[in-house]
Structures are given as structure tokens and as C-alpha cells.
C-alpha atoms as a PDB file:
ATOM      1  CA  MET A   1     -17.079  23.705   7.688  1.00  0.00           C
ATOM      2  CA  VAL A   2     -14.767  25.230  10.278  1.00  0.00           C
ATOM      3  CA  CYS A   3     -11.769  23.819  11.793  1.00  0.00           C
ATOM      4  CA  LEU A   4     -12.184  23.209  15.353  1.00  0.00           C
ATOM      5  CA  VAL A   5      -8.603  22.835  16.366  1.00  0.00           C
ATOM      6  CA  SER A   6      -6.131  26.092  17.056  1.00  0.00           C
ATOM      7  CA  ARG A   7      -2.833  26.454  15.417  1.00  0.00           C
ATOM      8  CA  THR A   8      -0.116  25.514  18.007  1.00  0.00           C
ATOM      9  CA  GLY A   9       3.912  25.977  18.195  1.00  0.00           C
ATOM     10  CA  ARG A  10       6.018  28.681  16.857  1.00  0.00           C
ATOM     11  CA  GLN A  11       7.826  26.987  13.991  1.00  0.00           C
ATOM     12  CA  LEU A  12       6.029  29.276  11.237  1.00  0.00           C
ATOM     13  CA  GLN A  13       5.999  32.477  13.650  1.00  0.00           C
ATOM     14  CA  ARG A  14       7.087  35.699  12.118  1.00  0.00           C
ATOM     15  CA  TYR A  15       9.411  38.312  13.752  1.00  0.00           C
ATOM     16  CA  ASN A  16      10.430  41.794  12.716  1.00  0.00           C
ATOM     17  CA  ASN A  17      14.042  43.395  12.019  1.00  0.00           C
ATOM     18  CA  LEU A  18      14.375  43.870  15.577  1.00  0.00           C
ATOM     19  CA  GLY A  19      13.551  40.564  16.811  1.00  0.00           C
ATOM     20  CA  GLY A  20      10.208  41.070  18.171  1.00  0.00           C
ATOM     21  CA  ARG A  21       7.539  38.636  17.432  1.00  0.00           C
ATOM     22  CA  GLN A  22       4.560  39.949  15.355  1.00  0.00           C
ATOM     23  CA  VAL A  23       1.390  39.643  16.585  1.00  0.00           C
ATOM     24  CA  VAL A  24      -2.165  39.970  14.886  1.00  0.00           C
ATOM     25  CA  GLY A  25      -5.235  40.905  16.515  1.00  0.00           C
ATOM     26  CA  CYS A  26      -9.002  42.078  15.739  1.00  0.00           C
ATOM     27  CA  ILE A  27     -11.677  43.987  17.366  1.00  0.00           C
ATOM     28  CA  PRO A  28     -14.839  41.941  16.391  1.00  0.00           C
ATOM     29  CA  TYR A  29     -17.648  44.713  16.356  1.00  0.00           C
ATOM     30  CA  ARG A  30     -21.359  44.869  15.625  1.00  0.00           C
ATOM     31  CA  TYR A  31     -24.287  46.949  15.797  1.00  0.00           C
ATOM     32  CA  LYS A  32     -26.817  46.198  18.566  1.00  0.00           C
ATOM     33  CA  GLU A  33     -30.212  44.640  17.522  1.00  0.00           C
ATOM     34  CA  ASP A  34     -33.571  45.088  19.459  1.00  0.00           C
ATOM     35  CA  ILE A  35     -36.042  42.398  20.069  1.00  0.00           C
ATOM     36  CA  TYR A  36     -37.401  42.644  16.785  1.00  0.00           C
ATOM     37  CA  GLY A  37     -34.270  42.405  15.058  1.00  0.00           C
ATOM     38  CA  ASN A  38     -33.815  46.257  14.019  1.00  0.00           C
ATOM     39  CA  ILE A  39     -30.339  47.060  13.778  1.00  0.00           C
ATOM     40  CA  SER A  40     -29.392  50.250  15.683  1.00  0.00           C
ATOM     41  CA  ASN A  41     -26.549  52.594  15.936  1.00  0.00           C
ATOM     42  CA  GLU A  42     -25.122  51.579  19.254  1.00  0.00           C
ATOM     43  CA  LEU A  43     -21.711  49.682  18.710  1.00  0.00           C
ATOM     44  CA  GLU A  44     -20.962  46.448  20.519  1.00  0.00           C
ATOM     45  CA  VAL A  45     -17.402  44.869  20.474  1.00  0.00           C
ATOM     46  CA  LEU A  46     -16.399  41.531  21.418  1.00  0.00           C
ATOM     47  CA  LEU A  47     -13.799  40.498  24.135  1.00  0.00           C
ATOM     48  CA  ILE A  48     -12.519  37.398  25.396  1.00  0.00           C
ATOM     49  CA  SER A  49     -10.813  35.841  28.799  1.00  0.00           C
ATOM     50  CA  SER A  50      -7.124  35.242  28.839  1.00  0.00           C
ATOM     51  CA  GLN A  51      -6.629  31.554  28.765  1.00  0.00           C
ATOM     52  CA  LYS A  52      -5.254  31.836  32.544  1.00  0.00           C
ATOM     53  CA  GLY A  53      -7.144  34.126  33.948  1.00  0.00           C
ATOM     54  CA  GLN A  54     -10.025  36.514  34.160  1.00  0.00           C
ATOM     55  CA  LYS A  55      -8.856  39.301  32.344  1.00  0.00           C
ATOM     56  CA  PHE A  56     -10.127  40.289  29.186  1.00  0.00           C
ATOM     57  CA  MET A  57      -8.679  41.789  25.920  1.00  0.00           C
ATOM     58  CA  PHE A  58      -9.536  41.198  22.067  1.00  0.00           C
ATOM     59  CA  PRO A  59      -8.582  38.175  20.264  1.00  0.00           C
ATOM     60  CA  LYS A  60      -4.940  38.412  19.330  1.00  0.00           C
ATOM     61  CA  GLY A  61      -1.862  35.931  18.240  1.00  0.00           C
ATOM     62  CA  GLY A  62       0.923  35.236  16.432  1.00  0.00           C
ATOM     63  CA  TRP A  63       1.117  36.088  12.663  1.00  0.00           C
ATOM     64  CA  GLU A  64       2.679  33.049  11.035  1.00  0.00           C
ATOM     65  CA  LEU A  65       5.103  32.862   7.581  1.00  0.00           C
ATOM     66  CA  ASP A  66       2.169  30.940   5.578  1.00  0.00           C
ATOM     67  CA  GLU A  67      -0.571  33.630   6.026  1.00  0.00           C
ATOM     68  CA  SER A  68      -1.278  37.618   5.201  1.00  0.00           C
ATOM     69  CA  VAL A  69      -1.943  39.597   8.325  1.00  0.00           C
ATOM     70  CA  GLU A  70      -5.645  39.758   7.278  1.00  0.00           C
ATOM     71  CA  GLU A  71      -5.650  35.663   7.308  1.00  0.00           C
ATOM     72  CA  ALA A  72      -3.845  35.896  10.514  1.00  0.00           C
ATOM     73  CA  ALA A  73      -6.426  38.259  11.933  1.00  0.00           C
ATOM     74  CA  CYS A  74      -9.625  36.261  10.762  1.00  0.00           C
ATOM     75  CA  ARG A  75      -7.808  33.191  12.013  1.00  0.00           C
ATOM     76  CA  GLU A  76      -7.433  34.372  15.542  1.00  0.00           C
ATOM     77  CA  SER A  77     -10.896  35.627  15.720  1.00  0.00           C
ATOM     78  CA  LEU A  78     -12.226  32.277  14.661  1.00  0.00           C
ATOM     79  CA  GLU A  79     -10.101  30.442  16.953  1.00  0.00           C
ATOM     80  CA  GLU A  80     -10.223  32.548  19.906  1.00  0.00           C
ATOM     81  CA  ALA A  81     -13.466  34.230  19.975  1.00  0.00           C
ATOM     82  CA  GLY A  82     -15.529  31.903  17.500  1.00  0.00           C
ATOM     83  CA  VAL A  83     -16.545  34.590  15.384  1.00  0.00           C
ATOM     84  CA  ILE A  84     -16.278  35.108  11.473  1.00  0.00           C
ATOM     85  CA  GLY A  85     -16.478  38.253   9.435  1.00  0.00           C
ATOM     86  CA  ILE A  86     -15.096  40.821   7.359  1.00  0.00           C
ATOM     87  CA  VAL A  87     -11.371  42.332   8.093  1.00  0.00           C
ATOM     88  CA  GLU A  88     -11.262  46.009   7.498  1.00  0.00           C
ATOM     89  CA  CYS A  89      -8.492  48.480   7.041  1.00  0.00           C
ATOM     90  CA  GLU A  90      -5.444  48.085   9.559  1.00  0.00           C
ATOM     91  CA  LEU A  91      -5.798  50.478  12.836  1.00  0.00           C
ATOM     92  CA  GLY A  92      -2.110  50.826  13.327  1.00  0.00           C
ATOM     93  CA  LYS A  93       0.817  48.662  14.729  1.00  0.00           C
ATOM     94  CA  TRP A  94       2.060  49.170  18.171  1.00  0.00           C
ATOM     95  CA  GLY A  95       5.126  48.016  20.030  1.00  0.00           C
ATOM     96  CA  PHE A  96       5.171  46.751  23.613  1.00  0.00           C
ATOM     97  CA  ILE A  97       6.794  44.570  25.995  1.00  0.00           C
ATOM     98  CA  SER A  98       4.991  41.344  26.800  1.00  0.00           C
ATOM     99  CA  LYS A  99       4.270  41.313  30.781  1.00  0.00           C
ATOM    100  CA  ARG A 100       4.484  37.541  30.432  1.00  0.00           C
ATOM    101  CA  TYR A 101       7.704  36.789  28.860  1.00  0.00           C
ATOM    102  CA  GLY A 102       9.256  40.206  29.171  1.00  0.00           C
ATOM    103  CA  THR A 103      10.082  40.603  25.376  1.00  0.00           C
ATOM    104  CA  TYR A 104       9.179  42.866  22.719  1.00  0.00           C
ATOM    105  CA  TYR A 105       6.416  42.397  20.371  1.00  0.00           C
ATOM    106  CA  GLU A 106       4.890  44.248  17.629  1.00  0.00           C
ATOM    107  CA  GLY A 107       1.113  43.894  17.178  1.00  0.00           C
ATOM    108  CA  HIS A 108      -1.123  45.142  14.420  1.00  0.00           C
ATOM    109  CA  MET A 109      -4.996  45.534  14.849  1.00  0.00           C
ATOM    110  CA  PHE A 110      -7.746  45.536  12.511  1.00  0.00           C
ATOM    111  CA  PRO A 111     -11.413  46.076  12.821  1.00  0.00           C
ATOM    112  CA  LEU A 112     -13.520  42.637  12.339  1.00  0.00           C
ATOM    113  CA  PHE A 113     -17.054  43.417  11.037  1.00  0.00           C
ATOM    114  CA  VAL A 114     -18.573  40.319  12.500  1.00  0.00           C
ATOM    115  CA  LYS A 115     -21.149  38.331  10.196  1.00  0.00           C
ATOM    116  CA  GLU A 116     -21.519  35.105  12.179  1.00  0.00           C
ATOM    117  CA  GLN A 117     -20.949  33.837  16.046  1.00  0.00           C
ATOM    118  CA  LEU A 118     -20.188  30.234  16.100  1.00  0.00           C
ATOM    119  CA  ASP A 119     -21.767  28.131  18.636  1.00  0.00           C
ATOM    120  CA  LEU A 120     -18.493  25.655  18.814  1.00  0.00           C
ATOM    121  CA  TRP A 121     -15.228  27.157  18.372  1.00  0.00           C
ATOM    122  CA  PRO A 122     -11.442  26.015  18.853  1.00  0.00           C
ATOM    123  CA  GLU A 123     -10.763  27.334  22.236  1.00  0.00           C
ATOM    124  CA  GLN A 124     -14.463  27.572  23.565  1.00  0.00           C
ATOM    125  CA  ASN A 125     -13.263  25.501  26.757  1.00  0.00           C
ATOM    126  CA  VAL A 126     -10.403  27.735  27.490  1.00  0.00           C
ATOM    127  CA  ARG A 127     -11.953  31.366  27.047  1.00  0.00           C
ATOM    128  CA  ARG A 128     -14.915  33.450  27.653  1.00  0.00           C
ATOM    129  CA  ARG A 129     -16.612  35.815  25.253  1.00  0.00           C
ATOM    130  CA  ILE A 130     -18.544  38.771  25.944  1.00  0.00           C
ATOM    131  CA  TRP A 131     -20.091  41.556  23.845  1.00  0.00           C
ATOM    132  CA  MET A 132     -19.887  44.809  25.545  1.00  0.00           C
ATOM    133  CA  ASN A 133     -20.662  48.599  24.782  1.00  0.00           C
ATOM    134  CA  VAL A 134     -17.453  50.791  24.011  1.00  0.00           C
ATOM    135  CA  ALA A 135     -17.133  51.967  27.445  1.00  0.00           C
ATOM    136  CA  GLU A 136     -17.240  49.097  29.235  1.00  0.00           C
ATOM    137  CA  ALA A 137     -14.736  47.354  26.876  1.00  0.00           C
ATOM    138  CA  ARG A 138     -12.152  50.395  27.540  1.00  0.00           C
ATOM    139  CA  GLU A 139     -12.850  49.839  31.104  1.00  0.00           C
ATOM    140  CA  VAL A 140     -12.113  45.892  31.221  1.00  0.00           C
ATOM    141  CA  CYS A 141      -9.390  45.724  28.347  1.00  0.00           C
ATOM    142  CA  GLN A 142      -6.061  44.945  29.799  1.00  0.00           C
ATOM    143  CA  HIS A 143      -3.899  46.068  27.038  1.00  0.00           C
ATOM    144  CA  TRP A 144      -3.190  49.726  26.608  1.00  0.00           C
ATOM    145  CA  TRP A 145      -2.510  49.491  22.749  1.00  0.00           C
ATOM    146  CA  MET A 146      -5.816  47.538  22.516  1.00  0.00           C
ATOM    147  CA  LYS A 147      -7.444  50.425  23.774  1.00  0.00           C
ATOM    148  CA  GLU A 148      -5.994  52.831  21.897  1.00  0.00           C
ATOM    149  CA  ALA A 149      -6.814  50.578  18.626  1.00  0.00           C
ATOM    150  CA  LEU A 150     -10.358  50.779  19.981  1.00  0.00           C
ATOM    151  CA  ASP A 151     -10.506  54.477  20.295  1.00  0.00           C
ATOM    152  CA  ILE A 152      -9.122  54.673  16.589  1.00  0.00           C
ATOM    153  CA  LEU A 153     -12.125  52.138  15.547  1.00  0.00           C
ATOM    154  CA  VAL A 154     -14.458  54.343  17.295  1.00  0.00           C
ATOM    155  CA  GLU A 155     -13.328  57.407  15.403  1.00  0.00           C
ATOM    156  CA  ARG A 156     -13.515  55.708  12.099  1.00  0.00           C
ATOM    157  CA  LEU A 157     -16.917  54.434  12.494  1.00  0.00           C
ATOM    158  CA  VAL A 158     -18.117  58.018  13.708  1.00  0.00           C
ATOM    159  CA  SER A 159     -16.724  59.791  11.094  1.00  0.00           C
ATOM    160  CA  ALA A 160     -17.775  57.399   8.431  1.00  0.00           C
ATOM    161  CA  GLU A 161     -21.268  57.838  10.078  1.00  0.00           C
ATOM    162  CA  LYS A 162     -20.849  61.744   9.403  1.00  0.00           C
ATOM    163  CA  GLN A 163     -19.818  61.530   6.288  1.00  0.00           C
ATOM    164  CA  ARG A 164     -23.156  59.115   5.513  1.00  0.00           C
ATOM    165  CA  GLU A 165     -25.416  61.845   7.250  1.00  0.00           C
ATOM    166  CA  ASP A 166     -23.779  64.694   5.086  1.00  0.00           C
ATOM    167  CA  ILE A 167     -24.165  62.997   1.946  1.00  0.00           C
ATOM    168  CA  ALA A 168     -27.998  62.157   2.628  1.00  0.00           C
ATOM    169  CA  MET A 169     -28.444  65.741   3.749  1.00  0.00           C
ATOM    170  CA  ASP A 170     -26.743  67.099   0.562  1.00  0.00           C
ATOM    171  CA  ASP A 171     -29.036  64.604  -1.575  1.00  0.00           C
ATOM    172  CA  SER A 172     -32.025  65.738  -0.021  1.00  0.00           C
ATOM    173  CA  LEU A 173     -31.450  69.450  -0.204  1.00  0.00           C
ATOM    174  CA  SER A 174     -30.813  68.890  -4.186  1.00  0.00           C
ATOM    175  CA  LEU A 175     -34.271  67.417  -4.376  1.00  0.00           C
END
């Protein structure tokens, strides 16, 4: 059972030692399928619209005192994008100034390998979600630090694929 209400308020919000609000985001990703259900190696990422505009970004929001950073990442992806998956190793941490509030924030980003996309989710009435290839996502994502996180994710996935290919090649040569 999935909760269909987003958390609200900032009573449990985490702040760093400098007084900056701590936020957590995810880059939901999957590999594209063809019409027959065959999975390719073409990466797709899920972006969402901002609540009050038409700009796109990856799901992110406040990290609260009663949850781990990974739990916050899962919660934000569920609330804002309606996806559930596996949170992988952190991509990094960025400091930035909020355009909206002019205050310092600390943003943590994680990859989320999507296992399920829900038809109903808490913020479906205030956000749009769209799967894009990496080039399209880089073009439309409004936050520089999220674009950097996307670059790190792509580099990590390409490196992992290269390692798998090298191992497979070594295994075939040893036969």
C-alpha cells in the first residue's frame, strides 16, 4: 500500500552546520524497452515539472530528521514522480543558493533504478513527469547541480558496462 499524501511543513527539516537546508534528490532511471519488451542499453531518465511552473528537474525535497538520506530519496521520488525503485550509491553533494528564497541549500543526489511506475501518486495533480534520453534531460533540467549529478550517473553506468564487457571478454578468452 502506498501513501497518497505528501509530507508538508518544515518541523522535521534538517539543516547543516552553516544553517543551510538539506535537500535530497534522485535521478530515476531505466533502460528503454522495445515494443516486444526487450531491454536495450539506451538510458532514460525521469524528470518532473516544478509545482508552479513548466520547468523540469529531478525529484528532490527536504531531508527530515526521522529518516535516513536514502529513505528521503525514496520518499521524494514516490511523492513527486510516482516511482519506486532501488536507491544506489550517492552521486555527490552540492551547495547552491535557492533562486526562490535566496538562501543556501545543500543538495544530495542519488540514482534510483526504477522498478515500478505508479498510476496514482501524491503530487500527480501538480506535476507532470516525462521520460527522456540523457541529452534531452540535460537540455531541459533547470538546475546546474542536477546536470552535474546526471553526468556522474552516466559516467558511472558507462564504466560499469565497460567492466562487464571486459569480464565477459576475459571469460570467453579463457575458454
